[in-house]
Amino acid sequence: QGETLNVSVAKSEVANFGHGGDEEEKAKALLAPRFLESAPIEIVRERKPGEKAFFQLKSGDEQAFIVLQKGLPLHGARVRFISYQGWSKEAVSDEQGRVSFQVIRDYFPSWEEFQKRFKATYLVIAEANAAETGSYKDQPYTSVRYQASLSGNYYPSPNDYLSYAWGLGIGLLIMLFCGV
C-alpha cells in the first residue's frame, strides 16, 4: 500500500486434548512451544502458573498476553483487547512484550435467559511499525506495518450465577417468613 508493506498474522487459541490418556503426554502438551520463531509478529496468551489443560478464562480475570516478533518480545506494540460486546481497551507492550487486561463482565441477560456456560469470544490486536526497506512482488517499500490478532473465549464468572442463587434463596426465605 504505497510504500508501506502490510504484514498481518491471525491466530486463535484452541484446546487440543482429550479426556483420559497418558499423564506424560498431557505434561508434554502443556510444555510444547506456542509460538513460531519465524513469525513476523504474533500474540501468545500467557499461561498462569499451574494452569491445567482445562483452563477457562472468566469475566473478572486478569489475563496477560505477549507480543512476539520472530520469537522475541516486541516492546512498544500498540495492543487492543476487544470483548464480545465490543468493549475495548488499549495498552502498549513493555520490554518483555507483555501487556495485561482485565476481562470485564459484559454478559447481562435476564435471570430466565442466564447461561453459566455462555461462551463469549474476545479479540486481541497488536500493531507495530518499522522503518524497514525492501521489495515485495517487485514493488519497493520503505516501511512495514505489522499487525497480529489472537482470538479466544471467556465465560461468566462463577460469582455471576452465585449472586443469582443468593438472591433467589433470600427471596424464598422472605416469602416463607411472610407466609408464616
N, C-alpha and C. Protein backbone atom coordinates (compact mmCIF):
# COMPACT_ATOMS: atom_id res chain seq x y z
N GLN A 1 0.87 -1.16 0.00
CA GLN A 1 0.00 0.00 0.00
C GLN A 1 0.92 1.22 0.00
N GLY A 2 1.06 1.85 -1.16
CA GLY A 2 2.01 2.94 -1.27
C GLY A 2 3.41 2.39 -1.08
N GLU A 3 4.15 2.98 -0.17
CA GLU A 3 5.50 2.50 0.14
C GLU A 3 5.54 1.73 1.46
N THR A 4 4.38 1.28 1.93
CA THR A 4 4.29 0.53 3.18
C THR A 4 3.87 -0.91 2.90
N LEU A 5 4.65 -1.84 3.43
CA LEU A 5 4.30 -3.26 3.35
C LEU A 5 3.47 -3.60 4.57
N ASN A 6 2.28 -4.16 4.37
CA ASN A 6 1.41 -4.57 5.47
C ASN A 6 1.55 -6.07 5.69
N VAL A 7 1.92 -6.45 6.91
CA VAL A 7 2.09 -7.85 7.27
C VAL A 7 1.09 -8.17 8.38
N SER A 8 0.18 -9.10 8.11
CA SER A 8 -0.85 -9.47 9.09
C SER A 8 -0.77 -10.94 9.41
N VAL A 9 -0.89 -11.27 10.71
CA VAL A 9 -0.88 -12.65 11.16
C VAL A 9 -2.08 -12.85 12.08
N ALA A 10 -2.93 -13.81 11.75
CA ALA A 10 -4.09 -14.12 12.57
C ALA A 10 -3.85 -15.45 13.27
N LYS A 11 -4.30 -15.54 14.51
CA LYS A 11 -4.07 -16.73 15.31
C LYS A 11 -5.25 -16.92 16.25
N SER A 12 -5.51 -18.17 16.60
CA SER A 12 -6.56 -18.47 17.56
C SER A 12 -6.06 -19.55 18.50
N GLU A 13 -6.40 -19.42 19.76
CA GLU A 13 -6.00 -20.44 20.73
C GLU A 13 -7.14 -21.45 20.84
N VAL A 14 -6.83 -22.69 20.53
CA VAL A 14 -7.81 -23.77 20.63
C VAL A 14 -7.24 -24.87 21.51
N ALA A 15 -8.12 -25.53 22.23
CA ALA A 15 -7.69 -26.64 23.08
C ALA A 15 -7.48 -27.87 22.20
N ASN A 16 -6.40 -28.59 22.45
CA ASN A 16 -6.10 -29.78 21.67
C ASN A 16 -5.76 -30.91 22.64
N PHE A 17 -6.79 -31.47 23.22
CA PHE A 17 -6.59 -32.53 24.19
C PHE A 17 -7.85 -33.38 24.27
N GLY A 18 -7.72 -34.52 24.91
CA GLY A 18 -8.86 -35.40 25.10
C GLY A 18 -8.96 -35.82 26.55
N HIS A 19 -10.00 -36.50 26.89
CA HIS A 19 -10.17 -37.00 28.25
C HIS A 19 -9.34 -38.27 28.42
N GLY A 20 -8.87 -38.49 29.62
CA GLY A 20 -8.07 -39.68 29.87
C GLY A 20 -6.69 -39.51 29.26
N GLY A 21 -6.06 -40.60 28.95
CA GLY A 21 -4.76 -40.53 28.30
C GLY A 21 -3.61 -40.55 29.28
N ASP A 22 -2.46 -40.49 28.74
CA ASP A 22 -1.20 -40.59 29.45
C ASP A 22 -0.85 -39.25 30.12
N GLU A 23 -0.48 -39.27 31.41
CA GLU A 23 -0.12 -38.05 32.13
C GLU A 23 1.13 -37.41 31.53
N GLU A 24 2.07 -38.24 31.10
CA GLU A 24 3.30 -37.72 30.50
C GLU A 24 2.98 -36.97 29.20
N GLU A 25 2.04 -37.50 28.44
CA GLU A 25 1.63 -36.86 27.19
C GLU A 25 0.97 -35.52 27.47
N LYS A 26 0.13 -35.44 28.51
CA LYS A 26 -0.52 -34.18 28.88
C LYS A 26 0.52 -33.14 29.29
N ALA A 27 1.49 -33.55 30.11
CA ALA A 27 2.53 -32.64 30.57
C ALA A 27 3.35 -32.12 29.39
N LYS A 28 3.65 -32.99 28.46
CA LYS A 28 4.42 -32.61 27.28
C LYS A 28 3.65 -31.60 26.44
N ALA A 29 2.34 -31.81 26.31
CA ALA A 29 1.50 -30.89 25.53
C ALA A 29 1.47 -29.50 26.15
N LEU A 30 1.44 -29.42 27.49
CA LEU A 30 1.43 -28.12 28.16
C LEU A 30 2.75 -27.39 28.00
N LEU A 31 3.85 -28.12 27.80
CA LEU A 31 5.16 -27.51 27.66
C LEU A 31 5.54 -27.24 26.20
N ALA A 32 4.73 -27.69 25.27
CA ALA A 32 5.04 -27.50 23.85
C ALA A 32 5.10 -26.01 23.51
N PRO A 33 6.00 -25.64 22.58
CA PRO A 33 6.08 -24.22 22.19
C PRO A 33 4.76 -23.75 21.58
N ARG A 34 4.39 -22.53 21.92
CA ARG A 34 3.12 -21.99 21.46
C ARG A 34 3.34 -20.81 20.53
N PHE A 35 4.57 -20.65 20.06
CA PHE A 35 4.86 -19.57 19.13
C PHE A 35 5.79 -20.09 18.05
N LEU A 36 5.88 -19.35 16.97
CA LEU A 36 6.69 -19.74 15.84
C LEU A 36 7.82 -18.73 15.70
N GLU A 37 9.07 -19.18 15.83
CA GLU A 37 10.22 -18.26 15.79
C GLU A 37 10.33 -17.49 14.48
N SER A 38 9.78 -18.02 13.42
CA SER A 38 9.88 -17.33 12.13
C SER A 38 8.70 -16.38 11.86
N ALA A 39 7.71 -16.35 12.75
CA ALA A 39 6.54 -15.47 12.54
C ALA A 39 6.96 -14.01 12.62
N PRO A 40 6.56 -13.20 11.65
CA PRO A 40 6.95 -11.79 11.68
C PRO A 40 6.40 -11.04 12.89
N ILE A 41 5.23 -11.45 13.35
CA ILE A 41 4.63 -10.90 14.57
C ILE A 41 3.53 -11.86 15.01
N GLU A 42 3.35 -12.02 16.31
CA GLU A 42 2.26 -12.84 16.83
C GLU A 42 1.99 -12.51 18.29
N ILE A 43 0.83 -12.95 18.75
CA ILE A 43 0.42 -12.74 20.13
C ILE A 43 0.22 -14.11 20.77
N VAL A 44 0.71 -14.26 22.00
CA VAL A 44 0.55 -15.50 22.74
C VAL A 44 -0.10 -15.17 24.09
N ARG A 45 -1.12 -15.92 24.47
CA ARG A 45 -1.73 -15.75 25.79
C ARG A 45 -0.77 -16.32 26.81
N GLU A 46 -0.44 -15.55 27.83
CA GLU A 46 0.48 -16.01 28.87
C GLU A 46 -0.25 -16.97 29.79
N ARG A 47 0.32 -18.15 29.95
CA ARG A 47 -0.29 -19.13 30.86
C ARG A 47 0.03 -18.75 32.30
N LYS A 48 -0.93 -19.05 33.16
CA LYS A 48 -0.74 -18.79 34.59
C LYS A 48 0.01 -19.96 35.21
N PRO A 49 0.77 -19.72 36.29
CA PRO A 49 1.48 -20.83 36.94
C PRO A 49 0.51 -21.92 37.37
N GLY A 50 0.83 -23.15 37.05
CA GLY A 50 -0.01 -24.28 37.43
C GLY A 50 -1.27 -24.44 36.60
N GLU A 51 -1.36 -23.71 35.49
CA GLU A 51 -2.55 -23.79 34.63
C GLU A 51 -2.72 -25.20 34.08
N LYS A 52 -3.95 -25.69 34.14
CA LYS A 52 -4.28 -27.04 33.66
C LYS A 52 -4.72 -26.99 32.21
N ALA A 53 -4.85 -28.15 31.60
CA ALA A 53 -5.30 -28.24 30.20
C ALA A 53 -6.73 -27.75 30.04
N PHE A 54 -7.56 -27.86 31.08
CA PHE A 54 -8.96 -27.44 31.01
C PHE A 54 -9.15 -26.01 31.50
N PHE A 55 -8.19 -25.14 31.26
CA PHE A 55 -8.25 -23.74 31.69
C PHE A 55 -9.41 -23.01 31.00
N GLN A 56 -10.12 -22.19 31.77
CA GLN A 56 -11.16 -21.33 31.23
C GLN A 56 -10.96 -19.93 31.76
N LEU A 57 -10.90 -18.98 30.88
CA LEU A 57 -10.82 -17.58 31.25
C LEU A 57 -12.22 -17.11 31.63
N LYS A 58 -12.34 -16.41 32.75
CA LYS A 58 -13.64 -15.96 33.26
C LYS A 58 -13.70 -14.44 33.31
N SER A 59 -14.90 -13.90 33.25
CA SER A 59 -15.09 -12.46 33.45
C SER A 59 -14.50 -12.08 34.79
N GLY A 60 -13.79 -10.97 34.82
CA GLY A 60 -13.16 -10.51 36.05
C GLY A 60 -11.71 -10.94 36.18
N ASP A 61 -11.28 -11.95 35.41
CA ASP A 61 -9.89 -12.41 35.46
C ASP A 61 -8.95 -11.40 34.81
N GLU A 62 -7.74 -11.33 35.31
CA GLU A 62 -6.67 -10.56 34.70
C GLU A 62 -5.92 -11.51 33.79
N GLN A 63 -5.73 -11.13 32.53
CA GLN A 63 -5.03 -12.00 31.58
C GLN A 63 -3.94 -11.22 30.87
N ALA A 64 -2.75 -11.82 30.81
CA ALA A 64 -1.61 -11.19 30.13
C ALA A 64 -1.40 -11.85 28.77
N PHE A 65 -0.90 -11.06 27.85
CA PHE A 65 -0.56 -11.51 26.51
C PHE A 65 0.85 -11.05 26.21
N ILE A 66 1.55 -11.80 25.37
CA ILE A 66 2.92 -11.44 24.99
C ILE A 66 2.96 -11.26 23.48
N VAL A 67 3.48 -10.12 23.04
CA VAL A 67 3.63 -9.83 21.62
C VAL A 67 5.06 -10.20 21.24
N LEU A 68 5.18 -11.04 20.22
CA LEU A 68 6.49 -11.53 19.78
C LEU A 68 6.73 -11.16 18.32
N GLN A 69 7.99 -10.88 18.02
CA GLN A 69 8.40 -10.66 16.63
C GLN A 69 9.58 -11.58 16.38
N LYS A 70 9.37 -12.55 15.50
CA LYS A 70 10.36 -13.60 15.21
C LYS A 70 10.82 -14.29 16.48
N GLY A 71 9.86 -14.58 17.38
CA GLY A 71 10.13 -15.31 18.60
C GLY A 71 10.66 -14.48 19.75
N LEU A 72 10.91 -13.20 19.53
CA LEU A 72 11.46 -12.32 20.57
C LEU A 72 10.42 -11.30 21.01
N PRO A 73 10.42 -10.90 22.29
CA PRO A 73 9.44 -9.92 22.78
C PRO A 73 9.51 -8.61 22.00
N LEU A 74 8.36 -8.06 21.69
CA LEU A 74 8.28 -6.80 20.94
C LEU A 74 7.84 -5.69 21.88
N HIS A 75 8.74 -4.76 22.14
CA HIS A 75 8.50 -3.62 23.02
C HIS A 75 7.81 -2.51 22.22
N GLY A 76 6.81 -1.86 22.82
CA GLY A 76 6.18 -0.69 22.22
C GLY A 76 5.06 -0.98 21.23
N ALA A 77 4.60 -2.21 21.14
CA ALA A 77 3.49 -2.51 20.24
C ALA A 77 2.19 -1.98 20.86
N ARG A 78 1.33 -1.43 20.03
CA ARG A 78 0.01 -0.98 20.49
C ARG A 78 -0.91 -2.20 20.47
N VAL A 79 -1.50 -2.49 21.63
CA VAL A 79 -2.32 -3.70 21.77
C VAL A 79 -3.72 -3.30 22.22
N ARG A 80 -4.72 -3.91 21.58
CA ARG A 80 -6.11 -3.61 21.91
C ARG A 80 -6.85 -4.91 22.21
N PHE A 81 -7.60 -4.93 23.31
CA PHE A 81 -8.44 -6.06 23.70
C PHE A 81 -9.88 -5.66 23.38
N ILE A 82 -10.60 -6.52 22.65
CA ILE A 82 -11.99 -6.25 22.29
C ILE A 82 -12.84 -7.40 22.82
N SER A 83 -13.85 -7.07 23.62
CA SER A 83 -14.70 -8.09 24.23
C SER A 83 -15.85 -8.47 23.30
N TYR A 84 -16.61 -9.45 23.73
CA TYR A 84 -17.75 -9.99 22.99
C TYR A 84 -18.74 -8.90 22.59
N GLN A 85 -19.01 -7.97 23.50
CA GLN A 85 -19.99 -6.90 23.25
C GLN A 85 -19.37 -5.67 22.60
N GLY A 86 -18.06 -5.71 22.29
CA GLY A 86 -17.42 -4.60 21.60
C GLY A 86 -16.67 -3.63 22.49
N TRP A 87 -16.65 -3.87 23.81
CA TRP A 87 -15.86 -3.02 24.70
C TRP A 87 -14.39 -3.21 24.34
N SER A 88 -13.63 -2.13 24.33
CA SER A 88 -12.21 -2.28 24.02
C SER A 88 -11.35 -1.45 24.97
N LYS A 89 -10.14 -1.92 25.12
CA LYS A 89 -9.15 -1.27 25.99
C LYS A 89 -7.81 -1.36 25.27
N GLU A 90 -7.02 -0.29 25.31
CA GLU A 90 -5.72 -0.28 24.65
C GLU A 90 -4.60 -0.15 25.66
N ALA A 91 -3.44 -0.72 25.29
CA ALA A 91 -2.24 -0.63 26.12
C ALA A 91 -1.03 -0.76 25.19
N VAL A 92 0.15 -0.53 25.74
CA VAL A 92 1.39 -0.66 24.99
C VAL A 92 2.24 -1.74 25.64
N SER A 93 2.83 -2.62 24.83
CA SER A 93 3.62 -3.73 25.38
C SER A 93 4.91 -3.21 26.03
N ASP A 94 5.31 -3.85 27.13
CA ASP A 94 6.51 -3.46 27.86
C ASP A 94 7.76 -4.11 27.25
N GLU A 95 8.88 -4.04 27.97
CA GLU A 95 10.15 -4.57 27.48
C GLU A 95 10.10 -6.07 27.21
N GLN A 96 9.24 -6.79 27.93
CA GLN A 96 9.09 -8.24 27.72
C GLN A 96 8.00 -8.55 26.68
N GLY A 97 7.48 -7.51 26.02
CA GLY A 97 6.42 -7.69 25.04
C GLY A 97 5.08 -7.98 25.69
N ARG A 98 5.00 -7.76 26.99
CA ARG A 98 3.84 -8.16 27.78
C ARG A 98 2.85 -7.01 27.94
N VAL A 99 1.58 -7.36 27.90
CA VAL A 99 0.50 -6.43 28.18
C VAL A 99 -0.59 -7.22 28.89
N SER A 100 -1.31 -6.57 29.79
CA SER A 100 -2.30 -7.29 30.60
C SER A 100 -3.63 -6.54 30.57
N PHE A 101 -4.72 -7.32 30.54
CA PHE A 101 -6.07 -6.75 30.54
C PHE A 101 -6.93 -7.51 31.54
N GLN A 102 -7.88 -6.80 32.15
CA GLN A 102 -8.88 -7.47 32.97
C GLN A 102 -10.10 -7.68 32.09
N VAL A 103 -10.57 -8.92 32.05
CA VAL A 103 -11.75 -9.25 31.24
C VAL A 103 -12.97 -8.75 31.98
N ILE A 104 -13.67 -7.81 31.37
CA ILE A 104 -14.82 -7.23 32.05
C ILE A 104 -16.06 -8.10 31.86
N ARG A 105 -17.02 -7.90 32.73
CA ARG A 105 -18.29 -8.60 32.59
C ARG A 105 -19.13 -7.83 31.58
N ASP A 106 -19.49 -8.47 30.50
CA ASP A 106 -20.34 -7.82 29.51
C ASP A 106 -21.46 -8.75 29.04
N TYR A 107 -21.86 -9.64 29.93
CA TYR A 107 -22.95 -10.57 29.66
C TYR A 107 -24.03 -10.31 30.71
N PHE A 108 -25.13 -9.67 30.31
CA PHE A 108 -26.17 -9.24 31.25
C PHE A 108 -27.56 -9.71 30.82
N PRO A 109 -27.80 -11.00 30.73
CA PRO A 109 -29.14 -11.47 30.35
C PRO A 109 -30.08 -11.40 31.56
N SER A 110 -31.37 -11.58 31.27
CA SER A 110 -32.33 -11.67 32.37
C SER A 110 -32.11 -13.01 33.08
N TRP A 111 -32.67 -13.15 34.27
CA TRP A 111 -32.48 -14.36 35.07
C TRP A 111 -32.91 -15.61 34.30
N GLU A 112 -34.01 -15.52 33.58
CA GLU A 112 -34.53 -16.68 32.86
C GLU A 112 -33.61 -17.10 31.71
N GLU A 113 -32.88 -16.15 31.15
CA GLU A 113 -32.03 -16.44 29.99
C GLU A 113 -30.56 -16.68 30.35
N PHE A 114 -30.20 -16.54 31.63
CA PHE A 114 -28.79 -16.66 32.02
C PHE A 114 -28.27 -18.07 31.77
N GLN A 115 -27.10 -18.16 31.14
CA GLN A 115 -26.44 -19.44 30.88
C GLN A 115 -25.05 -19.40 31.50
N LYS A 116 -24.80 -20.23 32.48
CA LYS A 116 -23.49 -20.18 33.14
C LYS A 116 -22.37 -20.71 32.25
N ARG A 117 -22.72 -21.41 31.18
CA ARG A 117 -21.70 -21.91 30.24
C ARG A 117 -21.67 -21.08 28.96
N PHE A 118 -22.19 -19.86 29.03
CA PHE A 118 -22.17 -18.98 27.87
C PHE A 118 -20.73 -18.70 27.49
N LYS A 119 -20.39 -18.91 26.22
CA LYS A 119 -19.02 -18.72 25.74
C LYS A 119 -18.96 -17.45 24.90
N ALA A 120 -18.22 -16.47 25.39
CA ALA A 120 -18.03 -15.22 24.67
C ALA A 120 -16.64 -15.23 24.03
N THR A 121 -16.51 -14.55 22.92
CA THR A 121 -15.24 -14.50 22.20
C THR A 121 -14.60 -13.14 22.39
N TYR A 122 -13.27 -13.13 22.57
CA TYR A 122 -12.53 -11.88 22.61
C TYR A 122 -11.54 -11.85 21.45
N LEU A 123 -11.05 -10.66 21.14
CA LEU A 123 -10.07 -10.48 20.10
C LEU A 123 -8.99 -9.54 20.63
N VAL A 124 -7.73 -9.93 20.47
CA VAL A 124 -6.60 -9.07 20.85
C VAL A 124 -5.87 -8.73 19.55
N ILE A 125 -5.62 -7.44 19.34
CA ILE A 125 -4.94 -6.98 18.14
C ILE A 125 -3.69 -6.19 18.55
N ALA A 126 -2.55 -6.54 17.96
CA ALA A 126 -1.29 -5.83 18.21
C ALA A 126 -0.81 -5.22 16.90
N GLU A 127 -0.31 -3.99 16.97
CA GLU A 127 0.21 -3.31 15.79
C GLU A 127 1.54 -2.66 16.11
N ALA A 128 2.44 -2.69 15.13
CA ALA A 128 3.74 -2.06 15.27
C ALA A 128 4.22 -1.64 13.88
N ASN A 129 4.95 -0.54 13.83
CA ASN A 129 5.52 -0.05 12.58
C ASN A 129 7.03 -0.12 12.66
N ALA A 130 7.67 -0.36 11.53
CA ALA A 130 9.13 -0.43 11.48
C ALA A 130 9.62 0.25 10.20
N ALA A 131 10.74 0.93 10.31
CA ALA A 131 11.36 1.57 9.15
C ALA A 131 12.28 0.55 8.49
N GLU A 132 11.70 -0.34 7.73
CA GLU A 132 12.46 -1.37 7.03
C GLU A 132 12.27 -1.16 5.52
N THR A 133 13.32 -1.42 4.77
CA THR A 133 13.21 -1.29 3.32
C THR A 133 13.36 -2.65 2.67
N GLY A 134 12.82 -2.75 1.48
CA GLY A 134 12.92 -4.00 0.75
C GLY A 134 12.02 -3.96 -0.46
N SER A 135 11.73 -5.13 -0.97
CA SER A 135 10.88 -5.25 -2.15
C SER A 135 9.98 -6.46 -1.98
N TYR A 136 8.71 -6.30 -2.34
CA TYR A 136 7.75 -7.40 -2.28
C TYR A 136 7.01 -7.42 -3.61
N LYS A 137 7.08 -8.56 -4.28
CA LYS A 137 6.48 -8.72 -5.62
C LYS A 137 6.90 -7.58 -6.54
N ASP A 138 8.20 -7.33 -6.55
CA ASP A 138 8.84 -6.31 -7.41
C ASP A 138 8.37 -4.89 -7.12
N GLN A 139 7.77 -4.66 -5.94
CA GLN A 139 7.37 -3.32 -5.55
C GLN A 139 8.15 -2.91 -4.31
N PRO A 140 8.93 -1.84 -4.37
CA PRO A 140 9.74 -1.44 -3.22
C PRO A 140 8.89 -0.84 -2.09
N TYR A 141 9.37 -1.03 -0.86
CA TYR A 141 8.72 -0.42 0.30
C TYR A 141 9.78 0.18 1.21
N THR A 142 9.37 1.20 2.00
CA THR A 142 10.29 1.89 2.90
C THR A 142 9.88 1.75 4.36
N SER A 143 8.70 1.17 4.59
CA SER A 143 8.27 0.92 5.97
C SER A 143 7.38 -0.32 5.99
N VAL A 144 7.28 -0.92 7.18
CA VAL A 144 6.46 -2.12 7.35
C VAL A 144 5.49 -1.88 8.50
N ARG A 145 4.23 -2.24 8.28
CA ARG A 145 3.21 -2.17 9.32
C ARG A 145 2.85 -3.61 9.67
N TYR A 146 3.20 -4.00 10.90
CA TYR A 146 2.92 -5.35 11.38
C TYR A 146 1.61 -5.33 12.17
N GLN A 147 0.79 -6.35 11.95
CA GLN A 147 -0.45 -6.48 12.72
C GLN A 147 -0.69 -7.96 13.01
N ALA A 148 -0.99 -8.26 14.27
CA ALA A 148 -1.29 -9.63 14.68
C ALA A 148 -2.61 -9.63 15.43
N SER A 149 -3.34 -10.72 15.31
CA SER A 149 -4.58 -10.85 16.08
C SER A 149 -4.63 -12.24 16.71
N LEU A 150 -5.26 -12.31 17.85
CA LEU A 150 -5.45 -13.56 18.58
C LEU A 150 -6.87 -13.57 19.11
N SER A 151 -7.60 -14.63 18.82
CA SER A 151 -8.95 -14.74 19.38
C SER A 151 -8.98 -15.87 20.40
N GLY A 152 -9.88 -15.75 21.32
CA GLY A 152 -10.06 -16.76 22.36
C GLY A 152 -11.44 -16.63 22.96
N ASN A 153 -11.69 -17.38 24.01
CA ASN A 153 -13.01 -17.40 24.65
C ASN A 153 -12.91 -17.10 26.14
N TYR A 154 -14.00 -16.58 26.68
CA TYR A 154 -14.12 -16.41 28.13
C TYR A 154 -15.57 -16.70 28.52
N TYR A 155 -15.76 -16.98 29.80
CA TYR A 155 -17.05 -17.42 30.32
C TYR A 155 -17.47 -16.52 31.48
N PRO A 156 -18.76 -16.55 31.86
CA PRO A 156 -19.19 -15.76 33.02
C PRO A 156 -18.46 -16.20 34.29
N SER A 157 -18.22 -15.27 35.15
CA SER A 157 -17.61 -15.58 36.44
C SER A 157 -18.58 -16.41 37.28
N PRO A 158 -18.08 -17.36 38.06
CA PRO A 158 -18.98 -18.12 38.94
C PRO A 158 -19.75 -17.21 39.89
N ASN A 159 -19.19 -16.06 40.23
CA ASN A 159 -19.88 -15.11 41.11
C ASN A 159 -21.14 -14.56 40.46
N ASP A 160 -21.18 -14.52 39.13
CA ASP A 160 -22.37 -14.01 38.44
C ASP A 160 -23.58 -14.87 38.74
N TYR A 161 -23.45 -16.18 38.61
CA TYR A 161 -24.62 -17.02 38.86
C TYR A 161 -24.74 -17.38 40.32
N LEU A 162 -23.71 -17.24 41.12
CA LEU A 162 -23.80 -17.44 42.56
C LEU A 162 -24.66 -16.34 43.18
N SER A 163 -24.50 -15.10 42.68
CA SER A 163 -25.29 -13.99 43.22
C SER A 163 -26.77 -14.19 42.89
N TYR A 164 -27.06 -14.76 41.72
CA TYR A 164 -28.46 -15.07 41.38
C TYR A 164 -29.01 -16.10 42.37
N ALA A 165 -28.22 -17.10 42.71
CA ALA A 165 -28.66 -18.14 43.64
C ALA A 165 -28.91 -17.53 45.03
N TRP A 166 -28.02 -16.65 45.48
CA TRP A 166 -28.21 -16.00 46.78
C TRP A 166 -29.49 -15.16 46.76
N GLY A 167 -29.70 -14.42 45.68
CA GLY A 167 -30.91 -13.59 45.57
C GLY A 167 -32.17 -14.43 45.60
N LEU A 168 -32.15 -15.54 44.89
CA LEU A 168 -33.30 -16.45 44.86
C LEU A 168 -33.54 -17.04 46.26
N GLY A 169 -32.47 -17.45 46.93
CA GLY A 169 -32.59 -18.02 48.27
C GLY A 169 -33.13 -17.03 49.28
N ILE A 170 -32.63 -15.81 49.25
CA ILE A 170 -33.11 -14.78 50.18
C ILE A 170 -34.57 -14.44 49.88
N GLY A 171 -34.90 -14.36 48.58
CA GLY A 171 -36.29 -14.09 48.19
C GLY A 171 -37.23 -15.18 48.70
N LEU A 172 -36.84 -16.44 48.57
CA LEU A 172 -37.66 -17.55 49.06
C LEU A 172 -37.79 -17.51 50.58
N LEU A 173 -36.70 -17.17 51.26
CA LEU A 173 -36.73 -17.07 52.71
C LEU A 173 -37.70 -15.98 53.16
N ILE A 174 -37.70 -14.85 52.48
CA ILE A 174 -38.60 -13.75 52.82
C ILE A 174 -40.06 -14.17 52.57
N MET A 175 -40.29 -14.84 51.43
CA MET A 175 -41.66 -15.30 51.13
C MET A 175 -42.12 -16.32 52.17
N LEU A 176 -41.23 -17.20 52.60
CA LEU A 176 -41.58 -18.20 53.62
C LEU A 176 -41.89 -17.52 54.93
N PHE A 177 -41.08 -16.53 55.32
CA PHE A 177 -41.27 -15.81 56.56
C PHE A 177 -42.59 -15.03 56.53
N CYS A 178 -42.88 -14.39 55.39
CA CYS A 178 -44.15 -13.64 55.26
C CYS A 178 -45.35 -14.59 55.26
N GLY A 179 -45.19 -15.77 54.68
CA GLY A 179 -46.28 -16.74 54.65
C GLY A 179 -46.60 -17.29 56.03
N VAL A 180 -45.59 -17.42 56.88
CA VAL A 180 -45.78 -17.95 58.22
C VAL A 180 -46.38 -16.86 59.07
